[in-house]
Amino acid sequence: METTLHTQLKRYGMLCVGLLIMSFGIACSIKAELGTSPVSSLPFVLSQFTPLSVGIASVLVNATLILLQILLLRRQYDPIQLIQLPVALAFGFLTDFSVWVLQDITCSSYLTQWMLCVCGILLVGIGVSFEVTANVVTLAGEGMVLAICKVFPVKFANAKVGMDLTLVTTAAVLSLLFLGTLIGVREGTVAAAIFVGLTARQVNRPLKRFAERYFA
């Protein structure tokens, strides 16, 4: 029992490290101003025309996704998945913290914008790998994708792409409606959609070997 508890604490510790890394990746993409990753595009746009910070907007978006999971799965919904809510709260706090830490960073050219954007993509990909390797609870976005796959005959990869497109499209529409221009959805968003997953897969291999020893 003690060993199991110790292992679970280690897993949640790895999850927290992953969330911190992801939050700094999102902060980098925001400072690069080339468009954020799909998962943070909607919270970022909401923060531009409301009093909400990116982190608080992220918590609200994630809470909405949790509610949608409950409505979609109904009796099939596992109450343990409500752990997604405190995870979302922690992620929102860490995102605001990361944005605050990087607040003085500025980009003087398009090249430096891309350098910061690439840094953000790599950090988000590494953070996702930590989250997956921890294997304790998913973020609400992935939870929504899994709920869709459980109810409809859709492959995870296809559902994930559909979810990302929905978030980006919603962000783009809200940006045009309330800001009169396209903010938070640019070439960097496309790059993130392509390379975050590829980065996570590359990091998964060595991280999995580390986890086998770390969780032992």
N, C-alpha and C. Protein backbone atom coordinates (compact mmCIF):
# COMPACT_ATOMS: atom_id res chain seq x y z
N MET A 1 0.84 -1.21 0.00
CA MET A 1 0.00 0.00 0.00
C MET A 1 0.87 1.25 0.00
N GLU A 2 1.90 1.25 0.87
CA GLU A 2 2.79 2.40 0.97
C GLU A 2 3.56 2.61 -0.33
N THR A 3 3.98 1.48 -0.94
CA THR A 3 4.70 1.56 -2.20
C THR A 3 3.81 2.14 -3.29
N THR A 4 2.55 1.69 -3.33
CA THR A 4 1.60 2.19 -4.33
C THR A 4 1.36 3.68 -4.16
N LEU A 5 1.18 4.13 -2.93
CA LEU A 5 0.98 5.55 -2.66
C LEU A 5 2.20 6.37 -3.06
N HIS A 6 3.38 5.84 -2.76
CA HIS A 6 4.63 6.52 -3.11
C HIS A 6 4.74 6.67 -4.62
N THR A 7 4.37 5.60 -5.35
CA THR A 7 4.43 5.64 -6.80
C THR A 7 3.44 6.65 -7.36
N GLN A 8 2.24 6.70 -6.80
CA GLN A 8 1.23 7.65 -7.26
C GLN A 8 1.70 9.09 -7.03
N LEU A 9 2.33 9.33 -5.88
CA LEU A 9 2.84 10.66 -5.61
C LEU A 9 3.92 11.05 -6.63
N LYS A 10 4.74 10.08 -6.99
CA LYS A 10 5.76 10.33 -8.00
C LYS A 10 5.13 10.66 -9.35
N ARG A 11 4.07 9.92 -9.67
CA ARG A 11 3.37 10.15 -10.94
C ARG A 11 2.75 11.56 -10.98
N TYR A 12 2.12 11.97 -9.88
CA TYR A 12 1.52 13.31 -9.84
C TYR A 12 2.61 14.38 -9.85
N GLY A 13 3.76 14.06 -9.26
CA GLY A 13 4.89 14.98 -9.32
C GLY A 13 5.35 15.18 -10.75
N MET A 14 5.42 14.08 -11.51
CA MET A 14 5.81 14.16 -12.92
C MET A 14 4.77 14.95 -13.71
N LEU A 15 3.50 14.74 -13.39
CA LEU A 15 2.44 15.49 -14.06
C LEU A 15 2.61 16.99 -13.82
N CYS A 16 2.90 17.38 -12.58
CA CYS A 16 3.08 18.80 -12.24
C CYS A 16 4.26 19.40 -12.99
N VAL A 17 5.34 18.62 -13.11
CA VAL A 17 6.50 19.08 -13.88
C VAL A 17 6.10 19.30 -15.34
N GLY A 18 5.32 18.35 -15.87
CA GLY A 18 4.85 18.48 -17.25
C GLY A 18 3.99 19.71 -17.45
N LEU A 19 3.09 19.98 -16.50
CA LEU A 19 2.23 21.17 -16.60
C LEU A 19 3.05 22.45 -16.57
N LEU A 20 4.08 22.47 -15.73
CA LEU A 20 4.95 23.66 -15.64
C LEU A 20 5.68 23.88 -16.96
N ILE A 21 6.22 22.80 -17.53
CA ILE A 21 6.93 22.91 -18.80
C ILE A 21 5.98 23.39 -19.90
N MET A 22 4.78 22.82 -19.95
CA MET A 22 3.78 23.22 -20.94
C MET A 22 3.41 24.69 -20.79
N SER A 23 3.25 25.13 -19.55
CA SER A 23 2.85 26.53 -19.32
C SER A 23 3.90 27.50 -19.83
N PHE A 24 5.17 27.16 -19.66
CA PHE A 24 6.23 28.03 -20.19
C PHE A 24 6.25 27.98 -21.72
N GLY A 25 5.90 26.83 -22.28
CA GLY A 25 5.80 26.74 -23.73
C GLY A 25 4.70 27.63 -24.27
N ILE A 26 3.57 27.65 -23.59
CA ILE A 26 2.45 28.51 -23.99
C ILE A 26 2.85 29.98 -23.85
N ALA A 27 3.53 30.31 -22.76
CA ALA A 27 3.98 31.69 -22.55
C ALA A 27 4.94 32.13 -23.65
N CYS A 28 5.81 31.23 -24.07
CA CYS A 28 6.73 31.54 -25.17
C CYS A 28 5.97 31.82 -26.46
N SER A 29 4.97 30.99 -26.74
CA SER A 29 4.19 31.18 -27.97
C SER A 29 3.41 32.50 -27.94
N ILE A 30 2.94 32.88 -26.76
CA ILE A 30 2.22 34.15 -26.62
C ILE A 30 3.17 35.32 -26.88
N LYS A 31 4.38 35.27 -26.30
CA LYS A 31 5.35 36.34 -26.48
C LYS A 31 5.87 36.41 -27.92
N ALA A 32 5.88 35.27 -28.61
CA ALA A 32 6.36 35.25 -30.00
C ALA A 32 5.39 35.96 -30.94
N GLU A 33 4.10 35.98 -30.56
CA GLU A 33 3.06 36.66 -31.34
C GLU A 33 2.93 36.12 -32.76
N LEU A 34 3.15 34.81 -32.90
CA LEU A 34 2.95 34.17 -34.20
C LEU A 34 1.77 33.19 -34.14
N GLY A 35 0.98 33.30 -33.08
CA GLY A 35 -0.13 32.37 -32.90
C GLY A 35 0.21 31.33 -31.86
N THR A 36 -0.73 31.05 -30.99
CA THR A 36 -0.49 30.07 -29.93
C THR A 36 -0.84 28.67 -30.41
N SER A 37 -0.52 27.67 -29.59
CA SER A 37 -0.88 26.29 -29.92
C SER A 37 -2.41 26.15 -29.88
N PRO A 38 -2.98 25.18 -30.60
CA PRO A 38 -4.44 25.03 -30.66
C PRO A 38 -5.10 24.97 -29.28
N VAL A 39 -4.48 24.28 -28.32
CA VAL A 39 -5.09 24.12 -27.00
C VAL A 39 -5.19 25.44 -26.24
N SER A 40 -4.32 26.39 -26.54
CA SER A 40 -4.33 27.66 -25.81
C SER A 40 -4.87 28.82 -26.65
N SER A 41 -5.25 28.54 -27.89
CA SER A 41 -5.72 29.61 -28.78
C SER A 41 -7.00 30.26 -28.27
N LEU A 42 -7.97 29.46 -27.84
CA LEU A 42 -9.23 30.01 -27.36
C LEU A 42 -9.06 30.80 -26.05
N PRO A 43 -8.37 30.25 -25.03
CA PRO A 43 -8.13 31.05 -23.82
C PRO A 43 -7.41 32.35 -24.10
N PHE A 44 -6.43 32.33 -25.01
CA PHE A 44 -5.68 33.55 -25.31
C PHE A 44 -6.59 34.61 -25.93
N VAL A 45 -7.41 34.21 -26.91
CA VAL A 45 -8.31 35.16 -27.55
C VAL A 45 -9.31 35.72 -26.54
N LEU A 46 -9.84 34.86 -25.67
CA LEU A 46 -10.78 35.32 -24.64
C LEU A 46 -10.14 36.36 -23.74
N SER A 47 -8.86 36.18 -23.46
CA SER A 47 -8.16 37.11 -22.57
C SER A 47 -7.94 38.47 -23.21
N GLN A 48 -8.10 38.55 -24.55
CA GLN A 48 -7.86 39.80 -25.26
C GLN A 48 -9.06 40.74 -25.26
N PHE A 49 -10.27 40.22 -25.04
CA PHE A 49 -11.44 41.11 -25.04
C PHE A 49 -12.30 40.96 -23.78
N THR A 50 -11.76 40.30 -22.77
CA THR A 50 -12.43 40.19 -21.47
C THR A 50 -11.42 40.56 -20.38
N PRO A 51 -11.88 40.76 -19.15
CA PRO A 51 -10.94 41.06 -18.06
C PRO A 51 -10.15 39.83 -17.60
N LEU A 52 -10.41 38.68 -18.19
CA LEU A 52 -9.78 37.44 -17.76
C LEU A 52 -8.32 37.36 -18.19
N SER A 53 -7.49 36.76 -17.34
CA SER A 53 -6.12 36.45 -17.75
C SER A 53 -6.15 35.18 -18.60
N VAL A 54 -5.04 34.88 -19.25
CA VAL A 54 -4.97 33.66 -20.06
C VAL A 54 -5.21 32.43 -19.19
N GLY A 55 -4.64 32.43 -17.99
CA GLY A 55 -4.78 31.28 -17.09
C GLY A 55 -6.21 31.07 -16.65
N ILE A 56 -6.89 32.15 -16.24
CA ILE A 56 -8.28 32.04 -15.80
C ILE A 56 -9.18 31.62 -16.97
N ALA A 57 -8.93 32.19 -18.14
CA ALA A 57 -9.70 31.81 -19.33
C ALA A 57 -9.49 30.33 -19.65
N SER A 58 -8.25 29.86 -19.45
CA SER A 58 -7.94 28.45 -19.67
C SER A 58 -8.73 27.56 -18.71
N VAL A 59 -8.83 27.98 -17.45
CA VAL A 59 -9.59 27.22 -16.46
C VAL A 59 -11.06 27.13 -16.88
N LEU A 60 -11.63 28.24 -17.33
CA LEU A 60 -13.04 28.26 -17.74
C LEU A 60 -13.28 27.39 -18.97
N VAL A 61 -12.36 27.44 -19.93
CA VAL A 61 -12.49 26.59 -21.13
C VAL A 61 -12.41 25.12 -20.74
N ASN A 62 -11.48 24.78 -19.87
CA ASN A 62 -11.33 23.40 -19.42
C ASN A 62 -12.54 22.94 -18.62
N ALA A 63 -13.09 23.82 -17.78
CA ALA A 63 -14.28 23.48 -17.00
C ALA A 63 -15.46 23.21 -17.94
N THR A 64 -15.55 23.99 -19.01
CA THR A 64 -16.61 23.78 -20.01
C THR A 64 -16.45 22.43 -20.69
N LEU A 65 -15.22 22.07 -21.00
CA LEU A 65 -14.95 20.77 -21.63
C LEU A 65 -15.29 19.61 -20.69
N ILE A 66 -15.04 19.79 -19.40
CA ILE A 66 -15.40 18.77 -18.41
C ILE A 66 -16.91 18.60 -18.36
N LEU A 67 -17.63 19.72 -18.37
CA LEU A 67 -19.09 19.67 -18.38
C LEU A 67 -19.61 18.98 -19.63
N LEU A 68 -19.00 19.26 -20.77
CA LEU A 68 -19.40 18.61 -22.02
C LEU A 68 -19.15 17.11 -21.97
N GLN A 69 -18.06 16.71 -21.32
CA GLN A 69 -17.79 15.27 -21.15
C GLN A 69 -18.92 14.61 -20.37
N ILE A 70 -19.34 15.27 -19.29
CA ILE A 70 -20.41 14.72 -18.44
C ILE A 70 -21.71 14.61 -19.23
N LEU A 71 -22.03 15.65 -20.00
CA LEU A 71 -23.27 15.63 -20.79
C LEU A 71 -23.21 14.58 -21.90
N LEU A 72 -22.03 14.38 -22.45
CA LEU A 72 -21.87 13.43 -23.54
C LEU A 72 -21.90 11.98 -23.06
N LEU A 73 -21.21 11.72 -21.96
CA LEU A 73 -21.09 10.33 -21.47
C LEU A 73 -22.25 9.93 -20.55
N ARG A 74 -22.82 10.90 -19.84
CA ARG A 74 -23.92 10.65 -18.90
C ARG A 74 -23.56 9.55 -17.90
N ARG A 75 -24.25 8.44 -17.93
CA ARG A 75 -24.01 7.37 -16.94
C ARG A 75 -22.64 6.72 -17.12
N GLN A 76 -22.08 6.85 -18.30
CA GLN A 76 -20.76 6.25 -18.54
C GLN A 76 -19.63 7.11 -17.96
N TYR A 77 -19.96 8.32 -17.52
CA TYR A 77 -18.92 9.20 -17.01
C TYR A 77 -18.37 8.69 -15.68
N ASP A 78 -17.06 8.59 -15.60
CA ASP A 78 -16.40 8.13 -14.38
C ASP A 78 -16.08 9.34 -13.51
N PRO A 79 -16.67 9.43 -12.31
CA PRO A 79 -16.45 10.59 -11.43
C PRO A 79 -14.98 10.87 -11.13
N ILE A 80 -14.12 9.86 -11.26
CA ILE A 80 -12.71 10.07 -10.98
C ILE A 80 -12.12 11.11 -11.93
N GLN A 81 -12.77 11.26 -13.11
CA GLN A 81 -12.29 12.21 -14.10
C GLN A 81 -12.48 13.67 -13.66
N LEU A 82 -13.23 13.87 -12.57
CA LEU A 82 -13.38 15.22 -12.04
C LEU A 82 -12.06 15.77 -11.51
N ILE A 83 -11.07 14.88 -11.38
CA ILE A 83 -9.72 15.33 -11.00
C ILE A 83 -9.18 16.28 -12.06
N GLN A 84 -9.76 16.20 -13.26
CA GLN A 84 -9.35 17.13 -14.32
C GLN A 84 -9.52 18.59 -13.89
N LEU A 85 -10.49 18.86 -13.02
CA LEU A 85 -10.76 20.24 -12.61
C LEU A 85 -9.61 20.83 -11.79
N PRO A 86 -9.17 20.17 -10.69
CA PRO A 86 -8.01 20.74 -9.98
C PRO A 86 -6.75 20.80 -10.85
N VAL A 87 -6.61 19.85 -11.77
CA VAL A 87 -5.47 19.89 -12.68
C VAL A 87 -5.57 21.13 -13.58
N ALA A 88 -6.80 21.42 -14.04
CA ALA A 88 -7.03 22.61 -14.86
C ALA A 88 -6.73 23.88 -14.08
N LEU A 89 -7.11 23.90 -12.80
CA LEU A 89 -6.82 25.06 -11.95
C LEU A 89 -5.31 25.27 -11.79
N ALA A 90 -4.60 24.16 -11.56
CA ALA A 90 -3.14 24.25 -11.42
C ALA A 90 -2.50 24.72 -12.73
N PHE A 91 -3.00 24.20 -13.84
CA PHE A 91 -2.45 24.58 -15.15
C PHE A 91 -2.71 26.06 -15.44
N GLY A 92 -3.90 26.53 -15.07
CA GLY A 92 -4.21 27.94 -15.27
C GLY A 92 -3.30 28.84 -14.45
N PHE A 93 -3.08 28.47 -13.19
CA PHE A 93 -2.19 29.25 -12.32
C PHE A 93 -0.77 29.26 -12.89
N LEU A 94 -0.28 28.09 -13.33
CA LEU A 94 1.08 27.99 -13.86
C LEU A 94 1.22 28.79 -15.16
N THR A 95 0.16 28.81 -15.97
CA THR A 95 0.21 29.58 -17.21
C THR A 95 0.36 31.07 -16.92
N ASP A 96 -0.45 31.57 -15.99
CA ASP A 96 -0.33 32.99 -15.62
C ASP A 96 1.04 33.29 -15.01
N PHE A 97 1.55 32.35 -14.21
CA PHE A 97 2.87 32.52 -13.62
C PHE A 97 3.94 32.60 -14.70
N SER A 98 3.85 31.72 -15.69
CA SER A 98 4.84 31.68 -16.77
C SER A 98 4.79 32.95 -17.62
N VAL A 99 3.57 33.41 -17.91
CA VAL A 99 3.42 34.66 -18.68
C VAL A 99 4.03 35.83 -17.91
N TRP A 100 3.85 35.83 -16.60
CA TRP A 100 4.43 36.88 -15.76
C TRP A 100 5.94 36.83 -15.76
N VAL A 101 6.50 35.63 -15.68
CA VAL A 101 7.96 35.47 -15.68
C VAL A 101 8.57 35.99 -16.98
N LEU A 102 7.88 35.75 -18.10
CA LEU A 102 8.43 36.14 -19.41
C LEU A 102 7.92 37.49 -19.91
N GLN A 103 7.30 38.26 -19.03
CA GLN A 103 6.64 39.50 -19.46
C GLN A 103 7.58 40.52 -20.09
N ASP A 104 8.84 40.50 -19.72
CA ASP A 104 9.78 41.51 -20.24
C ASP A 104 10.47 41.08 -21.53
N ILE A 105 10.20 39.87 -21.99
CA ILE A 105 10.82 39.39 -23.23
C ILE A 105 10.14 40.03 -24.43
N THR A 106 10.94 40.56 -25.35
CA THR A 106 10.41 41.15 -26.59
C THR A 106 11.16 40.58 -27.78
N CYS A 107 10.50 40.55 -28.91
CA CYS A 107 11.13 40.06 -30.14
C CYS A 107 11.36 41.24 -31.07
N SER A 108 12.59 41.37 -31.53
CA SER A 108 12.96 42.51 -32.37
C SER A 108 12.85 42.23 -33.86
N SER A 109 12.62 40.97 -34.22
CA SER A 109 12.53 40.63 -35.64
C SER A 109 11.67 39.38 -35.82
N TYR A 110 11.31 39.13 -37.08
CA TYR A 110 10.51 37.94 -37.40
C TYR A 110 11.29 36.67 -37.06
N LEU A 111 12.61 36.72 -37.25
CA LEU A 111 13.44 35.56 -36.94
C LEU A 111 13.40 35.24 -35.45
N THR A 112 13.53 36.27 -34.61
CA THR A 112 13.49 36.02 -33.16
C THR A 112 12.10 35.58 -32.73
N GLN A 113 11.07 36.04 -33.43
CA GLN A 113 9.71 35.56 -33.15
C GLN A 113 9.63 34.06 -33.38
N TRP A 114 10.21 33.61 -34.50
CA TRP A 114 10.17 32.18 -34.81
C TRP A 114 11.04 31.37 -33.84
N MET A 115 12.15 31.94 -33.42
CA MET A 115 12.99 31.24 -32.45
C MET A 115 12.22 31.00 -31.15
N LEU A 116 11.50 32.03 -30.70
CA LEU A 116 10.72 31.90 -29.47
C LEU A 116 9.53 30.96 -29.69
N CYS A 117 8.96 31.01 -30.89
CA CYS A 117 7.84 30.13 -31.21
C CYS A 117 8.27 28.66 -31.20
N VAL A 118 9.43 28.38 -31.81
CA VAL A 118 9.96 27.02 -31.83
C VAL A 118 10.25 26.54 -30.41
N CYS A 119 10.80 27.43 -29.59
CA CYS A 119 11.05 27.10 -28.19
C CYS A 119 9.75 26.72 -27.49
N GLY A 120 8.69 27.48 -27.77
CA GLY A 120 7.38 27.18 -27.19
C GLY A 120 6.85 25.83 -27.63
N ILE A 121 7.00 25.53 -28.92
CA ILE A 121 6.53 24.25 -29.46
C ILE A 121 7.26 23.09 -28.79
N LEU A 122 8.57 23.22 -28.66
CA LEU A 122 9.36 22.15 -28.03
C LEU A 122 8.95 21.95 -26.57
N LEU A 123 8.76 23.05 -25.85
CA LEU A 123 8.39 22.95 -24.44
C LEU A 123 7.01 22.33 -24.27
N VAL A 124 6.06 22.72 -25.10
CA VAL A 124 4.71 22.13 -25.01
C VAL A 124 4.79 20.64 -25.32
N GLY A 125 5.57 20.27 -26.34
CA GLY A 125 5.71 18.86 -26.70
C GLY A 125 6.33 18.04 -25.57
N ILE A 126 7.36 18.60 -24.94
CA ILE A 126 8.01 17.92 -23.81
C ILE A 126 7.03 17.80 -22.65
N GLY A 127 6.28 18.87 -22.39
CA GLY A 127 5.30 18.84 -21.30
C GLY A 127 4.22 17.80 -21.52
N VAL A 128 3.76 17.69 -22.77
CA VAL A 128 2.76 16.67 -23.11
C VAL A 128 3.31 15.27 -22.86
N SER A 129 4.58 15.06 -23.20
CA SER A 129 5.21 13.77 -22.98
C SER A 129 5.26 13.43 -21.50
N PHE A 130 5.57 14.41 -20.66
CA PHE A 130 5.57 14.20 -19.20
C PHE A 130 4.16 13.83 -18.73
N GLU A 131 3.16 14.54 -19.26
CA GLU A 131 1.76 14.27 -18.88
C GLU A 131 1.37 12.84 -19.24
N VAL A 132 1.70 12.42 -20.45
CA VAL A 132 1.36 11.08 -20.92
C VAL A 132 2.09 10.02 -20.11
N THR A 133 3.38 10.24 -19.85
CA THR A 133 4.19 9.27 -19.11
C THR A 133 3.72 9.14 -17.67
N ALA A 134 3.28 10.25 -17.07
CA ALA A 134 2.78 10.21 -15.68
C ALA A 134 1.58 9.28 -15.57
N ASN A 135 0.73 9.30 -16.60
CA ASN A 135 -0.38 8.34 -16.70
C ASN A 135 -1.29 8.33 -15.46
N VAL A 136 -1.69 9.52 -15.01
CA VAL A 136 -2.61 9.59 -13.87
C VAL A 136 -3.94 10.23 -14.26
N VAL A 137 -3.89 11.35 -14.94
CA VAL A 137 -5.12 12.00 -15.38
C VAL A 137 -4.78 12.86 -16.60
N THR A 138 -5.71 12.96 -17.53
CA THR A 138 -5.49 13.77 -18.72
C THR A 138 -6.02 15.18 -18.48
N LEU A 139 -5.56 16.12 -19.27
CA LEU A 139 -6.16 17.44 -19.27
C LEU A 139 -7.54 17.35 -19.92
N ALA A 140 -8.36 18.35 -19.68
CA ALA A 140 -9.75 18.30 -20.13
C ALA A 140 -9.88 18.15 -21.64
N GLY A 141 -8.93 18.74 -22.39
CA GLY A 141 -8.98 18.64 -23.85
C GLY A 141 -8.86 17.20 -24.32
N GLU A 142 -7.86 16.50 -23.79
CA GLU A 142 -7.68 15.09 -24.14
C GLU A 142 -8.84 14.25 -23.59
N GLY A 143 -9.35 14.63 -22.41
CA GLY A 143 -10.50 13.94 -21.84
C GLY A 143 -11.71 14.04 -22.73
N MET A 144 -11.90 15.20 -23.34
CA MET A 144 -13.02 15.40 -24.27
C MET A 144 -12.85 14.52 -25.50
N VAL A 145 -11.62 14.45 -26.00
CA VAL A 145 -11.35 13.61 -27.17
C VAL A 145 -11.66 12.14 -26.85
N LEU A 146 -11.24 11.68 -25.68
CA LEU A 146 -11.50 10.29 -25.27
C LEU A 146 -13.00 10.04 -25.12
N ALA A 147 -13.73 11.05 -24.62
CA ALA A 147 -15.18 10.91 -24.47
C ALA A 147 -15.85 10.77 -25.83
N ILE A 148 -15.39 11.55 -26.79
CA ILE A 148 -15.94 11.48 -28.15
C ILE A 148 -15.69 10.09 -28.74
N CYS A 149 -14.48 9.58 -28.54
CA CYS A 149 -14.12 8.26 -29.06
C CYS A 149 -14.96 7.15 -28.41
N LYS A 150 -15.34 7.38 -27.16
CA LYS A 150 -16.13 6.38 -26.43
C LYS A 150 -17.57 6.33 -26.91
N VAL A 151 -18.09 7.47 -27.35
CA VAL A 151 -19.49 7.55 -27.78
C VAL A 151 -19.66 7.32 -29.27
N PHE A 152 -18.70 7.80 -30.05
CA PHE A 152 -18.79 7.70 -31.50
C PHE A 152 -17.66 6.82 -32.05
N PRO A 153 -17.89 6.17 -33.19
CA PRO A 153 -16.85 5.32 -33.79
C PRO A 153 -15.78 6.15 -34.51
N VAL A 154 -15.01 6.88 -33.72
CA VAL A 154 -13.98 7.76 -34.27
C VAL A 154 -12.63 7.39 -33.69
N LYS A 155 -11.60 7.37 -34.53
CA LYS A 155 -10.25 7.10 -34.04
C LYS A 155 -9.74 8.30 -33.24
N PHE A 156 -8.88 8.00 -32.26
CA PHE A 156 -8.37 9.05 -31.38
C PHE A 156 -7.68 10.16 -32.18
N ALA A 157 -6.84 9.79 -33.13
CA ALA A 157 -6.09 10.78 -33.91
C ALA A 157 -7.04 11.72 -34.65
N ASN A 158 -8.09 11.15 -35.25
CA ASN A 158 -9.06 11.96 -35.99
C ASN A 158 -9.84 12.87 -35.05
N ALA A 159 -10.22 12.32 -33.90
CA ALA A 159 -10.97 13.13 -32.92
C ALA A 159 -10.10 14.26 -32.38
N LYS A 160 -8.81 13.99 -32.20
CA LYS A 160 -7.87 15.00 -31.70
C LYS A 160 -7.75 16.14 -32.70
N VAL A 161 -7.61 15.79 -33.97
CA VAL A 161 -7.54 16.82 -35.01
C VAL A 161 -8.81 17.63 -35.05
N GLY A 162 -9.96 16.95 -34.94
CA GLY A 162 -11.24 17.64 -34.93
C GLY A 162 -11.38 18.60 -33.76
N MET A 163 -10.91 18.17 -32.59
CA MET A 163 -10.96 19.03 -31.40
C MET A 163 -10.08 20.26 -31.57
N ASP A 164 -8.86 20.06 -32.08
CA ASP A 164 -7.95 21.18 -32.30
C ASP A 164 -8.54 22.18 -33.31
N LEU A 165 -9.12 21.65 -34.39
CA LEU A 165 -9.73 22.52 -35.39
C LEU A 165 -10.90 23.30 -34.82
N THR A 166 -11.68 22.65 -33.95
CA THR A 166 -12.82 23.32 -33.32
C THR A 166 -12.35 24.47 -32.44
N LEU A 167 -11.32 24.23 -31.63
CA LEU A 167 -10.79 25.26 -30.74
C LEU A 167 -10.22 26.44 -31.53
N VAL A 168 -9.45 26.12 -32.58
CA VAL A 168 -8.82 27.17 -33.39
C VAL A 168 -9.87 27.96 -34.15
N THR A 169 -10.85 27.27 -34.72
CA THR A 169 -11.90 27.96 -35.47
C THR A 169 -12.72 28.87 -34.56
N THR A 170 -13.06 28.37 -33.37
CA THR A 170 -13.80 29.18 -32.41
C THR A 170 -13.00 30.41 -32.01
N ALA A 171 -11.71 30.22 -31.78
CA ALA A 171 -10.83 31.34 -31.41
C ALA A 171 -10.77 32.36 -32.54
N ALA A 172 -10.65 31.89 -33.77
CA ALA A 172 -10.56 32.78 -34.92
C ALA A 172 -11.85 33.59 -35.10
N VAL A 173 -12.99 32.92 -34.96
CA VAL A 173 -14.29 33.60 -35.12
C VAL A 173 -14.48 34.65 -34.03
N LEU A 174 -14.18 34.31 -32.79
CA LEU A 174 -14.32 35.26 -31.69
C LEU A 174 -13.37 36.44 -31.86
N SER A 175 -12.17 36.16 -32.35
CA SER A 175 -11.19 37.22 -32.57
C SER A 175 -11.69 38.21 -33.62
N LEU A 176 -12.24 37.70 -34.70
CA LEU A 176 -12.75 38.57 -35.77
C LEU A 176 -13.97 39.35 -35.31
N LEU A 177 -14.84 38.70 -34.52
CA LEU A 177 -16.07 39.35 -34.06
C LEU A 177 -15.81 40.45 -33.04
N PHE A 178 -14.96 40.16 -32.05
CA PHE A 178 -14.78 41.09 -30.94
C PHE A 178 -13.55 41.99 -31.06
N LEU A 179 -12.57 41.58 -31.86
CA LEU A 179 -11.35 42.37 -31.98
C LEU A 179 -11.17 42.98 -33.37
N GLY A 180 -11.96 42.48 -34.31
CA GLY A 180 -11.90 43.01 -35.67
C GLY A 180 -10.69 42.58 -36.46
N THR A 181 -9.90 41.70 -35.91
CA THR A 181 -8.71 41.19 -36.59
C THR A 181 -8.40 39.79 -36.06
N LEU A 182 -7.50 39.11 -36.73
CA LEU A 182 -7.15 37.74 -36.33
C LEU A 182 -5.97 37.77 -35.39
N ILE A 183 -6.20 37.42 -34.13
CA ILE A 183 -5.15 37.41 -33.11
C ILE A 183 -5.07 36.02 -32.48
N GLY A 184 -3.85 35.55 -32.25
CA GLY A 184 -3.66 34.27 -31.59
C GLY A 184 -3.72 33.06 -32.50
N VAL A 185 -4.10 33.27 -33.76
CA VAL A 185 -4.16 32.18 -34.73
C VAL A 185 -3.38 32.62 -35.97
N ARG A 186 -2.15 32.10 -36.08
CA ARG A 186 -1.29 32.48 -37.20
C ARG A 186 -0.46 31.26 -37.62
N GLU A 187 0.63 31.53 -38.31
CA GLU A 187 1.47 30.45 -38.80
C GLU A 187 2.05 29.60 -37.67
N GLY A 188 2.26 30.23 -36.53
CA GLY A 188 2.78 29.49 -35.37
C GLY A 188 1.78 28.46 -34.87
N THR A 189 0.49 28.75 -35.02
CA THR A 189 -0.56 27.80 -34.61
C THR A 189 -0.49 26.54 -35.47
N VAL A 190 -0.30 26.74 -36.77
CA VAL A 190 -0.17 25.60 -37.70
C VAL A 190 1.07 24.78 -37.36
N ALA A 191 2.18 25.47 -37.11
CA ALA A 191 3.43 24.77 -36.76
C ALA A 191 3.26 23.97 -35.47
N ALA A 192 2.57 24.56 -34.50
CA ALA A 192 2.35 23.87 -33.23
C ALA A 192 1.48 22.63 -33.43
N ALA A 193 0.44 22.77 -34.26
CA ALA A 193 -0.46 21.65 -34.52
C ALA A 193 0.29 20.46 -35.13
N ILE A 194 1.31 20.77 -35.93
CA ILE A 194 2.08 19.71 -36.60
C ILE A 194 3.18 19.14 -35.70
N PHE A 195 3.94 20.02 -35.05
CA PHE A 195 5.18 19.59 -34.41
C PHE A 195 5.10 19.30 -32.92
N VAL A 196 4.06 19.75 -32.23
CA VAL A 196 3.95 19.42 -30.80
C VAL A 196 3.84 17.91 -30.61
N GLY A 197 2.96 17.28 -31.39
CA GLY A 197 2.79 15.83 -31.30
C GLY A 197 4.05 15.08 -31.68
N LEU A 198 4.74 15.54 -32.73
CA LEU A 198 5.98 14.89 -33.17
C LEU A 198 7.05 15.01 -32.09
N THR A 199 7.13 16.17 -31.46
CA THR A 199 8.10 16.36 -30.36
C THR A 199 7.79 15.44 -29.20
N ALA A 200 6.51 15.36 -28.84
CA ALA A 200 6.11 14.50 -27.72
C ALA A 200 6.47 13.05 -27.99
N ARG A 201 6.27 12.59 -29.22
CA ARG A 201 6.58 11.19 -29.55
C ARG A 201 8.07 10.92 -29.45
N GLN A 202 8.90 11.89 -29.85
CA GLN A 202 10.35 11.70 -29.77
C GLN A 202 10.82 11.67 -28.32
N VAL A 203 10.20 12.50 -27.47
CA VAL A 203 10.60 12.56 -26.06
C VAL A 203 10.07 11.36 -25.29
N ASN A 204 8.97 10.78 -25.75
CA ASN A 204 8.34 9.65 -25.06
C ASN A 204 9.30 8.49 -24.85
N ARG A 205 10.14 8.21 -25.83
CA ARG A 205 11.02 7.04 -25.76
C ARG A 205 12.01 7.12 -24.60
N PRO A 206 12.88 8.14 -24.55
CA PRO A 206 13.81 8.21 -23.41
C PRO A 206 13.10 8.46 -22.08
N LEU A 207 11.99 9.21 -22.12
CA LEU A 207 11.27 9.50 -20.89
C LEU A 207 10.62 8.24 -20.32
N LYS A 208 10.17 7.36 -21.19
CA LYS A 208 9.56 6.11 -20.74
C LYS A 208 10.60 5.24 -20.03
N ARG A 209 11.83 5.21 -20.57
CA ARG A 209 12.91 4.43 -19.94
C ARG A 209 13.25 5.02 -18.56
N PHE A 210 13.25 6.36 -18.48
CA PHE A 210 13.50 7.01 -17.20
C PHE A 210 12.39 6.70 -16.20
N ALA A 211 11.14 6.71 -16.67
CA ALA A 211 9.99 6.47 -15.80
C ALA A 211 9.99 5.06 -15.24
N GLU A 212 10.45 4.10 -16.03
CA GLU A 212 10.48 2.71 -15.55
C GLU A 212 11.39 2.58 -14.32
N ARG A 213 12.47 3.34 -14.31
CA ARG A 213 13.37 3.32 -13.13
C ARG A 213 12.82 4.22 -12.02
N TYR A 214 12.25 5.37 -12.41
CA TYR A 214 11.77 6.34 -11.44
C TYR A 214 10.58 5.83 -10.65
N PHE A 215 9.68 5.09 -11.31
CA PHE A 215 8.48 4.58 -10.65
C PHE A 215 8.69 3.24 -9.98
N ALA A 216 9.86 2.67 -10.18
CA ALA A 216 10.13 1.34 -9.60
C ALA A 216 10.19 1.37 -8.08
